[in-house]
Amino acid sequence: MLSIAVQRLHNQQISHSRFQHPAEVIAWLGAVQAQEYALAKWAIGLRMQTSTDEVIEAAFNKGEILRTHLMRPTWHFVTPTDIRWLLELTAPRVHQVNGFMYRKLELDQVLLHRSADLIAKALEGGKHLTRAELGNILVRNGIDATNGMRLGYIVHYAELEGIVCSGARRGKQHTYGLIAERAPQARRLTRDEALVELTLRYFTSHGPATIKDFAWWSGLTIADVKMGLALLGSQVRQAAVDGETYWFSSSMPTVSELPTQGYLLPVYDEYTVAYKNRSAFLNPRYEPLPTDRFFISSFAYKGEVIGRWRRTFTKETVVIQLAPFLPLTSVEQAAFADAAHHFGDFLGMQVVYHTT
């Protein structure tokens, strides 16, 4: 019988990885949710053969990986190669979702276009500016950008229109740069080509998954998802599990061996957040639990989420505190210890860990 959890751990490159560069991980997954920037870097590192926070930070600052709003929408890491076709495929739906706020904040098309033009001009020549600095430029040109939410939607519009994306960090501050300069070789695809590309990547890297799972993750319509699957033909297969139809790539091997490692998954990790139906990693024996349990940093063992974790820092140490849903067995405790050391190695810090 197809094991959803085992296959996902394998296909998402968690239980084993062949990747050595952050961009390889992101390209494989299509996009990686990344509003919690520090932990989103760990989501990438977890899926690499070996990696450190410094390596991923350097790749980000060099523009080898980028961060922007797309799909649902929320912040995602994307590659410079993929950023344009992903935006062109998913941005129209996001603009529809944002329409209410555009009207509420009195952001009509004329004002949004003018604001985007001013932002683009300010960033020309490789300049990277913070959101606050962009806001000051808009204000000097007679556009009210003093309201943080209004400014946020103006910049968000410029992202969706393929004008701006992440720039290099300035200390701990995030900046914006021009997509034309950060991703000059970005691919352009027709809508059908983009739909096929994203559908195949999702069901290859995130499968087995349902049609509703992909619609949730991508922000596309159910009709779009069905069309993408139809266009893929024999490149995807389906299987019925517990009354649900799951789709997955025909190219991926069937995996049956359950990994015994434990994984410290960051908040909004693709393993937990990328599915509408989350029953594959949630055991009903842990009920009742908070409904936000998949929007937390979670500890997974044998494919199941069995607790939540948090980290705090001292000068040279990261302290990891695990709150298991049930007391850990000795085997689970050992798996947690290994996972904690893996995270400490990624940060290049000593690690202290304990359960509550």
Protein backbone atom coordinates (compact mmCIF):
# COMPACT_ATOMS: atom_id res chain seq x y z
CA MET A 1 0.00 0.00 0.00
CA LEU A 2 1.25 3.47 -0.85
CA SER A 3 2.53 5.23 2.29
CA ILE A 4 1.85 8.93 1.88
CA ALA A 5 4.22 10.05 4.65
CA VAL A 6 7.14 7.86 3.54
CA GLN A 7 6.83 8.97 -0.07
CA ARG A 8 6.63 12.64 0.86
CA LEU A 9 9.69 12.47 3.09
CA HIS A 10 11.58 10.93 0.18
CA ASN A 11 10.19 13.14 -2.58
CA GLN A 12 10.69 16.33 -0.58
CA GLN A 13 14.37 15.37 -0.11
CA ILE A 14 14.04 15.22 3.68
CA SER A 15 14.81 11.55 4.32
CA HIS A 16 17.58 11.68 1.73
CA SER A 17 18.93 14.42 -0.49
CA ARG A 18 21.05 14.60 -3.60
CA PHE A 19 21.31 18.41 -3.55
CA GLN A 20 24.36 20.49 -2.67
CA HIS A 21 23.19 24.02 -3.52
CA PRO A 22 20.23 26.01 -2.14
CA ALA A 23 18.92 26.82 -5.62
CA GLU A 24 18.69 23.09 -6.43
CA VAL A 25 16.37 22.53 -3.48
CA ILE A 26 14.15 25.46 -4.38
CA ALA A 27 13.98 24.53 -8.06
CA TRP A 28 13.03 20.96 -7.12
CA LEU A 29 10.19 22.10 -4.85
CA GLY A 30 9.11 24.89 -7.21
CA ALA A 31 9.01 27.43 -4.37
CA VAL A 32 9.59 27.36 -0.61
CA GLN A 33 7.40 29.33 1.80
CA ALA A 34 9.63 31.90 3.46
CA GLN A 35 7.97 34.60 5.52
CA GLU A 36 9.91 33.42 8.59
CA TYR A 37 13.23 34.11 6.89
CA ALA A 38 15.67 32.58 9.40
CA LEU A 39 13.78 29.32 9.71
CA ALA A 40 13.02 29.20 5.99
CA LYS A 41 16.78 28.99 5.44
CA TRP A 42 16.75 25.91 7.67
CA ALA A 43 13.96 24.44 5.50
CA ILE A 44 16.45 24.57 2.62
CA GLY A 45 19.40 23.32 4.68
CA LEU A 46 17.36 20.37 5.94
CA ARG A 47 17.03 19.22 2.32
CA MET A 48 20.72 19.51 1.37
CA GLN A 49 23.45 16.93 1.79
CA THR A 50 25.45 19.36 3.89
CA SER A 51 24.80 23.02 4.49
CA THR A 52 25.13 25.92 6.87
CA ASP A 53 23.15 29.05 7.52
CA GLU A 54 26.08 31.08 6.18
CA VAL A 55 26.04 29.24 2.84
CA ILE A 56 22.34 29.92 2.31
CA GLU A 57 22.64 33.54 3.45
CA ALA A 58 25.46 34.07 0.95
CA ALA A 59 23.40 32.53 -1.86
CA PHE A 60 20.54 34.87 -0.99
CA ASN A 61 22.70 37.99 -0.94
CA LYS A 62 24.30 37.05 -4.26
CA GLY A 63 20.86 36.63 -5.83
CA GLU A 64 21.33 32.91 -6.45
CA ILE A 65 18.01 32.48 -4.64
CA LEU A 66 15.34 35.16 -4.41
CA ARG A 67 12.38 35.95 -2.16
CA THR A 68 9.09 37.45 -3.24
CA HIS A 69 5.31 37.23 -2.85
CA LEU A 70 3.57 34.73 -5.12
CA MET A 71 1.04 31.92 -5.26
CA ARG A 72 -1.26 31.91 -2.18
CA PRO A 73 0.15 34.65 -1.74
CA THR A 74 2.89 34.81 0.84
CA TRP A 75 6.67 35.15 0.87
CA HIS A 76 8.42 32.37 -1.03
CA PHE A 77 11.99 31.56 -2.00
CA VAL A 78 12.25 31.06 -5.77
CA THR A 79 15.11 30.73 -8.21
CA PRO A 80 16.08 33.54 -10.60
CA THR A 81 15.32 31.18 -13.50
CA ASP A 82 11.75 30.52 -12.37
CA ILE A 83 10.62 33.82 -10.87
CA ARG A 84 9.01 35.35 -13.97
CA TRP A 85 6.92 32.45 -15.20
CA LEU A 86 5.78 31.65 -11.65
CA LEU A 87 4.63 35.25 -11.18
CA GLU A 88 2.94 35.40 -14.57
CA LEU A 89 1.07 32.16 -13.82
CA THR A 90 -0.07 32.95 -10.27
CA ALA A 91 -0.18 36.77 -9.97
CA PRO A 92 -3.54 37.30 -11.72
CA ARG A 93 -5.31 35.29 -9.00
CA VAL A 94 -3.40 37.14 -6.30
CA HIS A 95 -4.47 40.49 -7.73
CA GLN A 96 -8.05 39.25 -7.50
CA VAL A 97 -7.53 38.30 -3.85
CA ASN A 98 -5.91 41.69 -3.15
CA GLY A 99 -8.66 43.61 -4.95
CA PHE A 100 -10.67 44.30 -1.79
CA MET A 101 -7.62 45.76 -0.01
CA TYR A 102 -6.61 47.80 -3.07
CA ARG A 103 -10.05 49.43 -2.96
CA LYS A 104 -10.08 49.81 0.82
CA LEU A 105 -6.67 51.54 0.75
CA GLU A 106 -7.68 53.68 -2.25
CA LEU A 107 -5.06 52.15 -4.51
CA ASP A 108 -6.43 52.42 -8.03
CA GLN A 109 -4.58 51.24 -11.14
CA VAL A 110 -3.27 54.71 -12.01
CA LEU A 111 -1.73 55.18 -8.58
CA LEU A 112 -0.34 51.63 -8.46
CA HIS A 113 1.26 51.99 -11.90
CA ARG A 114 2.80 55.34 -10.99
CA SER A 115 4.11 53.99 -7.69
CA ALA A 116 5.65 50.97 -9.42
CA ASP A 117 7.34 53.24 -11.98
CA LEU A 118 8.82 55.39 -9.20
CA ILE A 119 10.07 52.32 -7.35
CA ALA A 120 11.64 50.90 -10.51
CA LYS A 121 13.42 54.16 -11.26
CA ALA A 122 14.75 54.39 -7.70
CA LEU A 123 16.27 50.89 -7.92
CA GLU A 124 17.91 51.23 -11.33
CA GLY A 125 21.63 50.59 -11.51
CA GLY A 126 21.81 47.82 -8.94
CA LYS A 127 20.50 49.86 -6.01
CA HIS A 128 18.91 47.88 -3.18
CA LEU A 129 16.56 49.81 -0.88
CA THR A 130 14.50 48.91 2.17
CA ARG A 131 10.71 49.17 2.17
CA ALA A 132 10.93 52.27 4.38
CA GLU A 133 13.30 53.92 1.92
CA LEU A 134 10.94 53.14 -0.95
CA GLY A 135 8.12 54.65 1.10
CA ASN A 136 10.08 57.86 1.58
CA ILE A 137 10.61 58.10 -2.18
CA LEU A 138 6.89 57.70 -2.79
CA VAL A 139 6.03 60.36 -0.20
CA ARG A 140 8.48 62.82 -1.78
CA ASN A 141 6.62 62.30 -5.04
CA GLY A 142 3.23 63.06 -3.55
CA ILE A 143 2.02 59.50 -2.88
CA ASP A 144 0.75 58.76 0.60
CA ALA A 145 2.82 55.82 1.78
CA THR A 146 2.96 56.68 5.49
CA ASN A 147 0.46 53.95 6.33
CA GLY A 148 2.42 50.72 6.67
CA MET A 149 -0.32 48.56 5.18
CA ARG A 150 -0.80 50.91 2.23
CA LEU A 151 2.93 50.88 1.52
CA GLY A 152 2.97 47.10 1.87
CA TYR A 153 0.32 46.64 -0.81
CA ILE A 154 2.04 49.12 -3.13
CA VAL A 155 5.29 47.17 -2.92
CA HIS A 156 3.40 43.89 -3.12
CA TYR A 157 1.85 45.11 -6.38
CA ALA A 158 5.32 45.87 -7.77
CA GLU A 159 6.41 42.33 -6.83
CA LEU A 160 3.40 40.72 -8.52
CA GLU A 161 4.00 42.78 -11.66
CA GLY A 162 7.52 41.33 -11.93
CA ILE A 163 9.26 44.62 -11.17
CA VAL A 164 10.91 44.01 -7.79
CA CYS A 165 12.06 41.12 -5.64
CA SER A 166 14.51 40.67 -2.78
CA GLY A 167 17.80 42.51 -2.80
CA ALA A 168 20.85 41.74 -0.70
CA ARG A 169 20.39 42.09 3.02
CA ARG A 170 21.81 45.17 4.68
CA GLY A 171 22.80 43.83 8.06
CA LYS A 172 19.53 42.36 9.33
CA GLN A 173 17.39 44.55 7.09
CA HIS A 174 15.75 43.20 3.96
CA THR A 175 15.93 45.22 0.77
CA TYR A 176 14.37 45.20 -2.69
CA GLY A 177 16.06 45.09 -6.07
CA LEU A 178 14.88 44.99 -9.67
CA ILE A 179 13.95 41.58 -11.07
CA ALA A 180 15.40 42.70 -14.40
CA GLU A 181 18.79 43.04 -12.68
CA ARG A 182 18.53 40.20 -10.14
CA ALA A 183 17.17 37.67 -12.65
CA PRO A 184 18.20 38.79 -16.14
CA GLN A 185 18.04 35.23 -17.52
CA ALA A 186 14.59 34.41 -16.11
CA ARG A 187 12.58 32.01 -18.28
CA ARG A 188 9.36 33.09 -19.98
CA LEU A 189 6.71 30.42 -20.61
CA THR A 190 3.25 30.40 -22.12
CA ARG A 191 0.48 29.92 -19.59
CA ASP A 192 -0.03 26.26 -20.57
CA GLU A 193 3.72 25.62 -20.41
CA ALA A 194 3.90 27.23 -16.96
CA LEU A 195 0.88 25.27 -15.74
CA VAL A 196 2.44 22.00 -16.89
CA GLU A 197 5.81 22.91 -15.34
CA LEU A 198 4.42 23.81 -11.93
CA THR A 199 1.97 20.89 -11.84
CA LEU A 200 4.73 18.39 -12.60
CA ARG A 201 7.12 19.91 -10.08
CA TYR A 202 4.54 19.89 -7.31
CA PHE A 203 3.42 16.30 -7.78
CA THR A 204 7.04 15.17 -8.22
CA SER A 205 8.45 16.97 -5.18
CA HIS A 206 5.38 17.10 -2.91
CA GLY A 207 3.48 14.03 -4.06
CA PRO A 208 1.58 11.95 -3.36
CA ALA A 209 -0.95 14.77 -3.07
CA THR A 210 -4.53 15.53 -4.00
CA ILE A 211 -5.93 18.01 -6.50
CA LYS A 212 -7.14 20.16 -3.59
CA ASP A 213 -3.65 20.04 -2.04
CA PHE A 214 -2.07 21.53 -5.17
CA ALA A 215 -4.83 24.12 -5.55
CA TRP A 216 -4.23 25.22 -1.95
CA TRP A 217 -0.45 25.37 -2.35
CA SER A 218 -0.38 27.15 -5.69
CA GLY A 219 -3.41 29.41 -5.39
CA LEU A 220 -4.63 28.09 -8.77
CA THR A 221 -8.19 26.98 -9.42
CA ILE A 222 -9.34 23.37 -9.34
CA ALA A 223 -10.00 23.68 -13.07
CA ASP A 224 -6.40 24.80 -13.63
CA VAL A 225 -5.08 21.84 -11.63
CA LYS A 226 -7.20 19.35 -13.56
CA MET A 227 -6.03 20.87 -16.83
CA GLY A 228 -2.39 20.64 -15.73
CA LEU A 229 -2.79 16.97 -14.86
CA ALA A 230 -4.54 16.27 -18.16
CA LEU A 231 -1.74 17.95 -20.09
CA LEU A 232 0.85 15.85 -18.24
CA GLY A 233 -0.79 12.58 -19.29
CA SER A 234 1.36 9.55 -18.41
CA GLN A 235 3.95 11.67 -16.58
CA VAL A 236 1.73 11.41 -13.49
CA ARG A 237 -0.08 8.51 -11.86
CA GLN A 238 -2.83 8.25 -9.28
CA ALA A 239 -3.69 5.93 -6.41
CA ALA A 240 -6.63 5.67 -4.03
CA VAL A 241 -5.75 5.74 -0.33
CA ASP A 242 -8.45 5.83 2.37
CA GLY A 243 -11.01 7.06 -0.10
CA GLU A 244 -8.83 9.91 -1.44
CA THR A 245 -7.19 10.09 -4.85
CA TYR A 246 -3.50 10.96 -4.67
CA TRP A 247 -1.37 11.98 -7.63
CA PHE A 248 2.40 11.63 -7.99
CA SER A 249 5.09 11.63 -10.64
CA SER A 250 5.57 8.46 -12.68
CA SER A 251 9.33 9.06 -12.56
CA MET A 252 9.70 8.77 -8.78
CA PRO A 253 10.44 5.37 -7.24
CA THR A 254 8.04 3.81 -4.75
CA VAL A 255 9.57 3.87 -1.27
CA SER A 256 8.47 1.47 1.44
CA GLU A 257 11.16 1.68 4.14
CA LEU A 258 10.11 4.01 6.94
CA PRO A 259 12.99 6.30 8.00
CA THR A 260 13.73 6.26 11.71
CA GLN A 261 15.36 9.68 11.86
CA GLY A 262 13.72 12.61 13.56
CA TYR A 263 13.39 15.97 11.83
CA LEU A 264 13.08 19.43 13.34
CA LEU A 265 10.78 21.02 10.77
CA PRO A 266 10.63 24.81 10.74
CA VAL A 267 7.41 26.77 10.94
CA TYR A 268 5.58 26.74 7.57
CA ASP A 269 7.75 23.89 6.31
CA GLU A 270 6.68 22.47 2.96
CA TYR A 271 6.16 19.05 4.59
CA THR A 272 3.40 20.42 6.81
CA VAL A 273 1.99 23.53 5.15
CA ALA A 274 1.86 22.50 1.49
CA TYR A 275 -1.27 20.34 1.77
CA LYS A 276 -4.98 20.99 2.26
CA ASN A 277 -5.37 17.51 3.74
CA ARG A 278 -2.83 17.11 6.54
CA SER A 279 -3.93 13.72 7.84
CA ALA A 280 -0.79 11.99 6.51
CA PHE A 281 1.41 13.43 9.25
CA LEU A 282 -1.16 13.91 12.04
CA ASN A 283 -2.05 10.92 14.20
CA PRO A 284 -5.58 11.05 15.70
CA ARG A 285 -4.25 9.65 18.97
CA TYR A 286 -2.91 13.14 19.68
CA GLU A 287 -6.38 14.73 19.53
CA PRO A 288 -7.49 17.18 20.64
CA LEU A 289 -4.70 19.53 19.70
CA PRO A 290 -4.52 23.18 18.64
CA THR A 291 -5.69 23.62 15.06
CA ASP A 292 -2.58 25.67 14.27
CA ARG A 293 -0.24 22.73 14.89
CA PHE A 294 0.89 22.63 11.25
CA PHE A 295 1.79 26.34 11.36
CA ILE A 296 4.38 25.78 14.06
CA SER A 297 7.91 24.46 14.20
CA SER A 298 7.27 20.74 14.59
CA PHE A 299 9.20 17.59 15.33
CA ALA A 300 8.49 14.70 12.97
CA TYR A 301 9.41 11.08 13.62
CA LYS A 302 8.58 8.25 11.20
CA GLY A 303 6.68 10.79 9.15
CA GLU A 304 4.36 11.87 11.98
CA VAL A 305 4.41 15.21 13.76
CA ILE A 306 4.77 14.23 17.43
CA GLY A 307 5.61 17.55 19.06
CA ARG A 308 6.44 21.21 18.65
CA TRP A 309 9.77 22.93 19.25
CA ARG A 310 11.17 26.39 19.75
CA ARG A 311 14.66 27.81 19.84
CA THR A 312 16.27 30.50 21.94
CA PHE A 313 19.81 31.80 21.86
CA THR A 314 22.56 32.64 24.27
CA LYS A 315 25.84 34.16 23.12
CA GLU A 316 27.27 30.96 21.64
CA THR A 317 24.51 28.42 22.14
CA VAL A 318 21.17 27.57 20.60
CA VAL A 319 18.71 26.10 23.09
CA ILE A 320 16.06 23.79 21.61
CA GLN A 321 13.00 23.05 23.69
CA LEU A 322 10.66 20.29 22.54
CA ALA A 323 7.08 19.97 23.76
CA PRO A 324 6.01 16.44 22.72
CA PHE A 325 2.33 15.63 22.40
CA LEU A 326 2.99 12.48 24.43
CA PRO A 327 6.07 11.47 26.48
CA LEU A 328 8.90 10.37 24.17
CA THR A 329 10.16 6.82 24.08
CA SER A 330 13.90 6.30 24.45
CA VAL A 331 14.17 5.79 20.67
CA GLU A 332 12.26 9.01 19.98
CA GLN A 333 14.43 10.85 22.50
CA ALA A 334 17.57 9.69 20.69
CA ALA A 335 16.10 10.80 17.36
CA PHE A 336 15.34 14.22 18.84
CA ALA A 337 18.93 14.52 20.10
CA ASP A 338 20.31 13.74 16.64
CA ALA A 339 17.94 16.26 15.04
CA ALA A 340 18.94 18.94 17.55
CA HIS A 341 22.64 18.42 16.80
CA HIS A 342 21.90 18.63 13.07
CA PHE A 343 20.28 22.02 13.60
CA GLY A 344 23.17 23.19 15.79
CA ASP A 345 25.68 22.16 13.13
CA PHE A 346 23.68 24.11 10.53
CA LEU A 347 23.90 27.25 12.66
CA GLY A 348 27.53 26.60 13.62
CA MET A 349 26.59 26.82 17.30
CA GLN A 350 26.71 24.62 20.36
CA VAL A 351 23.33 23.11 21.07
CA VAL A 352 21.48 22.47 24.31
CA TYR A 353 18.22 20.55 24.05
CA HIS A 354 15.51 19.34 26.41
CA THR A 355 11.86 18.31 26.50
CA THR A 356 9.04 19.83 28.54
